[in-house]
Amino acid sequence: MATQVNKSARRQSRHRRVRAKVSGTSERPRLSIYKSNTQVIAQVIDDERGTTIAAIVSHKEKGKTPRERAEAAARSLAKTAKDKGVVRVVFDRGGFEYTGTIKAFADAARAAGLEF
C-alpha cells in the first residue's frame, strides 16, 4: 500500500535537497524565500556568520495581487541589500517551483540590481 505524503512534506524534502547544495558566504549571501498563500517572506542570509543581512515581508507592500506585492517586496529587498553592500547573491527557492510568484520575485530582484 502506497503512503500519501502531503504537499508540505514534499516541499520540505525538496528544500533539504536544495540546501545541501546552496550556502551563503560573506561575498555571496543566500537569498532565501518562503511563500504562503497570501505573502512572500525573503531574507538575505550570510550562512558563515549565521546572520540575516536584510529581510522583507510582502504583506507590508502595496499591490492588489500577491504577485504584485512580491515584486514590490523584491525591489525593496534589493534596495536594502545594495545599501548594505550586497550585490551578488545565491538564490534559494525554498523547495518551491520556479514559477508564478517565485519567478516574479526573482525577476524583480534581478531588475532592481541583484545578481544571481
N, C-alpha and C. Protein backbone atom coordinates (compact mmCIF):
# COMPACT_ATOMS: atom_id res chain seq x y z
N MET A 1 0.83 -1.17 0.00
CA MET A 1 0.00 0.00 0.00
C MET A 1 0.88 1.24 0.00
N ALA A 2 0.59 2.14 -0.92
CA ALA A 2 1.38 3.36 -1.05
C ALA A 2 0.97 4.35 0.04
N THR A 3 1.96 5.00 0.61
CA THR A 3 1.66 6.01 1.61
C THR A 3 1.57 7.37 0.93
N GLN A 4 0.68 8.19 1.38
CA GLN A 4 0.49 9.51 0.80
C GLN A 4 1.26 10.53 1.62
N VAL A 5 2.09 11.31 0.94
CA VAL A 5 2.87 12.34 1.59
C VAL A 5 2.22 13.68 1.23
N ASN A 6 2.01 14.52 2.23
CA ASN A 6 1.33 15.77 1.95
C ASN A 6 2.23 16.77 1.23
N LYS A 7 1.61 17.81 0.72
CA LYS A 7 2.26 18.82 -0.08
C LYS A 7 3.42 19.49 0.67
N SER A 8 3.19 19.79 1.93
CA SER A 8 4.20 20.45 2.75
C SER A 8 5.44 19.56 2.93
N ALA A 9 5.23 18.29 3.15
CA ALA A 9 6.36 17.36 3.33
C ALA A 9 7.17 17.23 2.05
N ARG A 10 6.52 17.22 0.91
CA ARG A 10 7.24 17.15 -0.36
C ARG A 10 8.08 18.41 -0.58
N ARG A 11 7.52 19.58 -0.24
CA ARG A 11 8.26 20.82 -0.39
C ARG A 11 9.47 20.85 0.54
N GLN A 12 9.29 20.40 1.77
CA GLN A 12 10.39 20.37 2.72
C GLN A 12 11.50 19.42 2.26
N SER A 13 11.12 18.32 1.64
CA SER A 13 12.11 17.39 1.09
C SER A 13 12.91 18.05 -0.03
N ARG A 14 12.23 18.75 -0.92
CA ARG A 14 12.93 19.47 -1.99
C ARG A 14 13.84 20.55 -1.41
N HIS A 15 13.34 21.23 -0.38
CA HIS A 15 14.14 22.29 0.24
C HIS A 15 15.42 21.73 0.87
N ARG A 16 15.33 20.58 1.51
CA ARG A 16 16.54 19.96 2.08
C ARG A 16 17.54 19.61 0.98
N ARG A 17 17.07 19.15 -0.16
CA ARG A 17 17.95 18.84 -1.28
C ARG A 17 18.64 20.09 -1.79
N VAL A 18 17.89 21.18 -1.91
CA VAL A 18 18.46 22.44 -2.38
C VAL A 18 19.48 22.96 -1.38
N ARG A 19 19.14 22.92 -0.09
CA ARG A 19 20.03 23.46 0.94
C ARG A 19 21.32 22.65 1.10
N ALA A 20 21.30 21.39 0.67
CA ALA A 20 22.52 20.60 0.72
C ALA A 20 23.56 21.14 -0.26
N LYS A 21 23.10 21.86 -1.27
CA LYS A 21 23.99 22.35 -2.32
C LYS A 21 24.20 23.86 -2.27
N VAL A 22 23.27 24.59 -1.67
CA VAL A 22 23.31 26.05 -1.69
C VAL A 22 23.63 26.57 -0.30
N SER A 23 24.66 27.42 -0.23
CA SER A 23 25.03 28.03 1.04
C SER A 23 25.52 29.45 0.77
N GLY A 24 25.20 30.36 1.66
CA GLY A 24 25.60 31.75 1.50
C GLY A 24 26.94 32.02 2.17
N THR A 25 27.73 32.86 1.53
CA THR A 25 29.02 33.27 2.09
C THR A 25 29.00 34.78 2.31
N SER A 26 30.08 35.31 2.82
CA SER A 26 30.15 36.75 3.03
C SER A 26 30.14 37.50 1.69
N GLU A 27 30.81 36.92 0.68
CA GLU A 27 30.86 37.56 -0.63
C GLU A 27 29.55 37.38 -1.39
N ARG A 28 28.91 36.21 -1.21
CA ARG A 28 27.67 35.90 -1.92
C ARG A 28 26.66 35.30 -0.96
N PRO A 29 25.90 36.12 -0.26
CA PRO A 29 24.93 35.59 0.69
C PRO A 29 23.77 34.88 -0.02
N ARG A 30 22.99 34.17 0.74
CA ARG A 30 21.86 33.39 0.22
C ARG A 30 20.58 34.21 0.30
N LEU A 31 19.87 34.30 -0.81
CA LEU A 31 18.56 34.95 -0.85
C LEU A 31 17.53 33.84 -0.69
N SER A 32 17.02 33.70 0.52
CA SER A 32 16.06 32.65 0.85
C SER A 32 14.65 33.19 0.77
N ILE A 33 13.73 32.39 0.20
CA ILE A 33 12.37 32.84 0.01
C ILE A 33 11.39 31.79 0.52
N TYR A 34 10.32 32.27 1.14
CA TYR A 34 9.22 31.40 1.59
C TYR A 34 7.93 32.01 1.09
N LYS A 35 7.03 31.19 0.58
CA LYS A 35 5.78 31.68 0.02
C LYS A 35 4.62 30.98 0.72
N SER A 36 3.68 31.79 1.19
CA SER A 36 2.42 31.25 1.70
C SER A 36 1.33 31.63 0.70
N ASN A 37 0.10 31.35 1.02
CA ASN A 37 -0.98 31.71 0.10
C ASN A 37 -1.16 33.21 -0.03
N THR A 38 -0.79 33.95 0.99
CA THR A 38 -1.06 35.38 0.99
C THR A 38 0.18 36.27 0.94
N GLN A 39 1.35 35.76 1.26
CA GLN A 39 2.52 36.62 1.32
C GLN A 39 3.80 35.87 0.98
N VAL A 40 4.84 36.65 0.75
CA VAL A 40 6.19 36.14 0.49
C VAL A 40 7.10 36.72 1.55
N ILE A 41 7.94 35.87 2.12
CA ILE A 41 8.92 36.30 3.10
C ILE A 41 10.29 35.99 2.52
N ALA A 42 11.17 36.97 2.49
CA ALA A 42 12.50 36.75 1.92
C ALA A 42 13.57 37.33 2.83
N GLN A 43 14.73 36.67 2.84
CA GLN A 43 15.85 37.11 3.66
C GLN A 43 17.14 36.96 2.87
N VAL A 44 18.08 37.85 3.10
CA VAL A 44 19.43 37.71 2.58
C VAL A 44 20.27 37.29 3.78
N ILE A 45 20.86 36.08 3.70
CA ILE A 45 21.49 35.46 4.86
C ILE A 45 22.95 35.13 4.57
N ASP A 46 23.82 35.48 5.51
CA ASP A 46 25.23 35.06 5.48
C ASP A 46 25.32 33.82 6.35
N ASP A 47 25.43 32.64 5.74
CA ASP A 47 25.45 31.38 6.49
C ASP A 47 26.75 31.17 7.25
N GLU A 48 27.84 31.76 6.80
CA GLU A 48 29.11 31.61 7.52
C GLU A 48 29.04 32.24 8.90
N ARG A 49 28.45 33.42 8.97
CA ARG A 49 28.32 34.12 10.26
C ARG A 49 27.01 33.78 10.96
N GLY A 50 26.04 33.28 10.21
CA GLY A 50 24.73 32.98 10.78
C GLY A 50 23.91 34.23 11.03
N THR A 51 24.07 35.24 10.15
CA THR A 51 23.36 36.49 10.34
C THR A 51 22.45 36.79 9.14
N THR A 52 21.38 37.50 9.42
CA THR A 52 20.49 37.97 8.38
C THR A 52 20.88 39.41 8.04
N ILE A 53 21.17 39.64 6.77
CA ILE A 53 21.61 40.96 6.33
C ILE A 53 20.42 41.86 6.05
N ALA A 54 19.41 41.30 5.38
CA ALA A 54 18.20 42.07 5.06
C ALA A 54 17.02 41.11 5.01
N ALA A 55 15.84 41.62 5.32
CA ALA A 55 14.63 40.79 5.29
C ALA A 55 13.44 41.64 4.88
N ILE A 56 12.44 40.99 4.29
CA ILE A 56 11.22 41.68 3.85
C ILE A 56 10.03 40.74 3.93
N VAL A 57 8.86 41.31 4.22
CA VAL A 57 7.60 40.58 4.21
C VAL A 57 6.68 41.31 3.25
N SER A 58 6.10 40.59 2.30
CA SER A 58 5.36 41.26 1.23
C SER A 58 4.03 41.86 1.66
N HIS A 59 3.46 41.44 2.78
CA HIS A 59 2.15 41.98 3.16
C HIS A 59 2.24 43.45 3.55
N LYS A 60 3.42 43.97 3.76
CA LYS A 60 3.60 45.39 4.07
C LYS A 60 3.69 46.24 2.80
N GLU A 61 3.80 45.58 1.65
CA GLU A 61 3.96 46.29 0.39
C GLU A 61 2.62 46.61 -0.25
N LYS A 62 2.63 47.56 -1.18
CA LYS A 62 1.40 47.93 -1.89
C LYS A 62 1.27 47.10 -3.15
N GLY A 63 0.05 46.70 -3.45
CA GLY A 63 -0.24 45.93 -4.65
C GLY A 63 -1.56 45.21 -4.48
N LYS A 64 -2.24 44.97 -5.58
CA LYS A 64 -3.55 44.33 -5.49
C LYS A 64 -3.45 42.81 -5.36
N THR A 65 -2.50 42.21 -6.05
CA THR A 65 -2.38 40.74 -6.04
C THR A 65 -1.14 40.33 -5.26
N PRO A 66 -1.09 39.09 -4.81
CA PRO A 66 0.13 38.63 -4.13
C PRO A 66 1.37 38.73 -5.01
N ARG A 67 1.20 38.56 -6.30
CA ARG A 67 2.33 38.65 -7.22
C ARG A 67 2.86 40.09 -7.29
N GLU A 68 1.98 41.07 -7.35
CA GLU A 68 2.40 42.47 -7.37
C GLU A 68 3.09 42.85 -6.06
N ARG A 69 2.57 42.37 -4.95
CA ARG A 69 3.21 42.64 -3.66
C ARG A 69 4.57 41.96 -3.58
N ALA A 70 4.72 40.77 -4.15
CA ALA A 70 6.01 40.08 -4.15
C ALA A 70 7.03 40.86 -4.98
N GLU A 71 6.61 41.38 -6.11
CA GLU A 71 7.52 42.18 -6.94
C GLU A 71 7.96 43.45 -6.21
N ALA A 72 7.03 44.10 -5.54
CA ALA A 72 7.36 45.30 -4.77
C ALA A 72 8.31 44.95 -3.62
N ALA A 73 8.09 43.82 -2.98
CA ALA A 73 8.96 43.38 -1.89
C ALA A 73 10.36 43.08 -2.41
N ALA A 74 10.45 42.49 -3.59
CA ALA A 74 11.76 42.18 -4.18
C ALA A 74 12.54 43.46 -4.45
N ARG A 75 11.85 44.46 -4.97
CA ARG A 75 12.54 45.74 -5.21
C ARG A 75 13.02 46.36 -3.91
N SER A 76 12.20 46.31 -2.87
CA SER A 76 12.59 46.86 -1.57
C SER A 76 13.76 46.10 -0.96
N LEU A 77 13.71 44.78 -1.06
CA LEU A 77 14.80 43.94 -0.52
C LEU A 77 16.10 44.21 -1.26
N ALA A 78 16.02 44.32 -2.58
CA ALA A 78 17.22 44.58 -3.38
C ALA A 78 17.83 45.94 -3.00
N LYS A 79 16.99 46.93 -2.80
CA LYS A 79 17.49 48.26 -2.41
C LYS A 79 18.16 48.20 -1.05
N THR A 80 17.54 47.51 -0.10
CA THR A 80 18.13 47.38 1.24
C THR A 80 19.46 46.63 1.19
N ALA A 81 19.50 45.54 0.41
CA ALA A 81 20.73 44.75 0.30
C ALA A 81 21.84 45.56 -0.36
N LYS A 82 21.51 46.31 -1.40
CA LYS A 82 22.52 47.12 -2.07
C LYS A 82 23.04 48.22 -1.16
N ASP A 83 22.17 48.78 -0.31
CA ASP A 83 22.61 49.79 0.65
C ASP A 83 23.61 49.21 1.65
N LYS A 84 23.49 47.91 1.92
CA LYS A 84 24.41 47.25 2.85
C LYS A 84 25.59 46.61 2.14
N GLY A 85 25.75 46.86 0.84
CA GLY A 85 26.92 46.40 0.10
C GLY A 85 26.79 45.02 -0.52
N VAL A 86 25.60 44.48 -0.62
CA VAL A 86 25.40 43.15 -1.21
C VAL A 86 24.83 43.33 -2.61
N VAL A 87 25.55 42.82 -3.61
CA VAL A 87 25.06 42.88 -4.98
C VAL A 87 24.85 41.49 -5.54
N ARG A 88 25.77 40.57 -5.21
CA ARG A 88 25.68 39.20 -5.72
C ARG A 88 25.13 38.29 -4.63
N VAL A 89 24.14 37.47 -4.98
CA VAL A 89 23.54 36.54 -4.04
C VAL A 89 23.37 35.18 -4.70
N VAL A 90 23.09 34.18 -3.87
CA VAL A 90 22.72 32.85 -4.34
C VAL A 90 21.24 32.68 -4.04
N PHE A 91 20.45 32.28 -5.04
CA PHE A 91 19.00 32.20 -4.87
C PHE A 91 18.62 30.83 -4.31
N ASP A 92 17.90 30.84 -3.19
CA ASP A 92 17.38 29.63 -2.55
C ASP A 92 15.86 29.70 -2.65
N ARG A 93 15.29 28.92 -3.55
CA ARG A 93 13.85 29.00 -3.81
C ARG A 93 13.03 28.28 -2.76
N GLY A 94 13.63 27.70 -1.77
CA GLY A 94 12.93 27.13 -0.63
C GLY A 94 12.10 25.90 -0.93
N GLY A 95 12.43 25.18 -2.00
CA GLY A 95 11.68 23.98 -2.34
C GLY A 95 10.45 24.26 -3.18
N PHE A 96 10.19 25.54 -3.47
CA PHE A 96 9.05 25.90 -4.30
C PHE A 96 9.45 25.83 -5.77
N GLU A 97 8.48 25.53 -6.64
CA GLU A 97 8.76 25.53 -8.07
C GLU A 97 9.06 26.94 -8.53
N TYR A 98 9.91 27.05 -9.52
CA TYR A 98 10.33 28.36 -10.04
C TYR A 98 9.31 28.84 -11.08
N THR A 99 8.10 29.11 -10.62
CA THR A 99 7.04 29.63 -11.47
C THR A 99 6.23 30.63 -10.66
N GLY A 100 5.38 31.38 -11.35
CA GLY A 100 4.44 32.26 -10.68
C GLY A 100 5.09 33.31 -9.81
N THR A 101 4.69 33.34 -8.55
CA THR A 101 5.13 34.37 -7.61
C THR A 101 6.64 34.29 -7.35
N ILE A 102 7.18 33.07 -7.27
CA ILE A 102 8.62 32.90 -7.02
C ILE A 102 9.42 33.49 -8.18
N LYS A 103 9.02 33.16 -9.40
CA LYS A 103 9.70 33.69 -10.59
C LYS A 103 9.56 35.20 -10.67
N ALA A 104 8.37 35.72 -10.38
CA ALA A 104 8.14 37.17 -10.41
C ALA A 104 9.04 37.87 -9.40
N PHE A 105 9.17 37.28 -8.20
CA PHE A 105 10.05 37.84 -7.17
C PHE A 105 11.49 37.87 -7.66
N ALA A 106 11.96 36.76 -8.22
CA ALA A 106 13.34 36.66 -8.69
C ALA A 106 13.61 37.65 -9.82
N ASP A 107 12.69 37.75 -10.77
CA ASP A 107 12.88 38.67 -11.89
C ASP A 107 12.91 40.12 -11.42
N ALA A 108 12.05 40.47 -10.46
CA ALA A 108 12.03 41.84 -9.94
C ALA A 108 13.31 42.14 -9.16
N ALA A 109 13.83 41.16 -8.42
CA ALA A 109 15.08 41.36 -7.68
C ALA A 109 16.24 41.56 -8.65
N ARG A 110 16.25 40.79 -9.74
CA ARG A 110 17.31 40.97 -10.75
C ARG A 110 17.20 42.35 -11.40
N ALA A 111 15.97 42.75 -11.72
CA ALA A 111 15.77 44.05 -12.36
C ALA A 111 16.18 45.20 -11.43
N ALA A 112 16.06 44.98 -10.13
CA ALA A 112 16.42 46.01 -9.15
C ALA A 112 17.92 46.04 -8.86
N GLY A 113 18.69 45.11 -9.43
CA GLY A 113 20.13 45.19 -9.31
C GLY A 113 20.84 44.04 -8.63
N LEU A 114 20.12 43.06 -8.09
CA LEU A 114 20.78 41.90 -7.51
C LEU A 114 21.22 40.95 -8.61
N GLU A 115 22.40 40.36 -8.46
CA GLU A 115 22.92 39.43 -9.46
C GLU A 115 22.85 38.00 -8.90
N PHE A 116 22.16 37.13 -9.64
CA PHE A 116 22.15 35.69 -9.35
C PHE A 116 21.69 34.95 -10.57
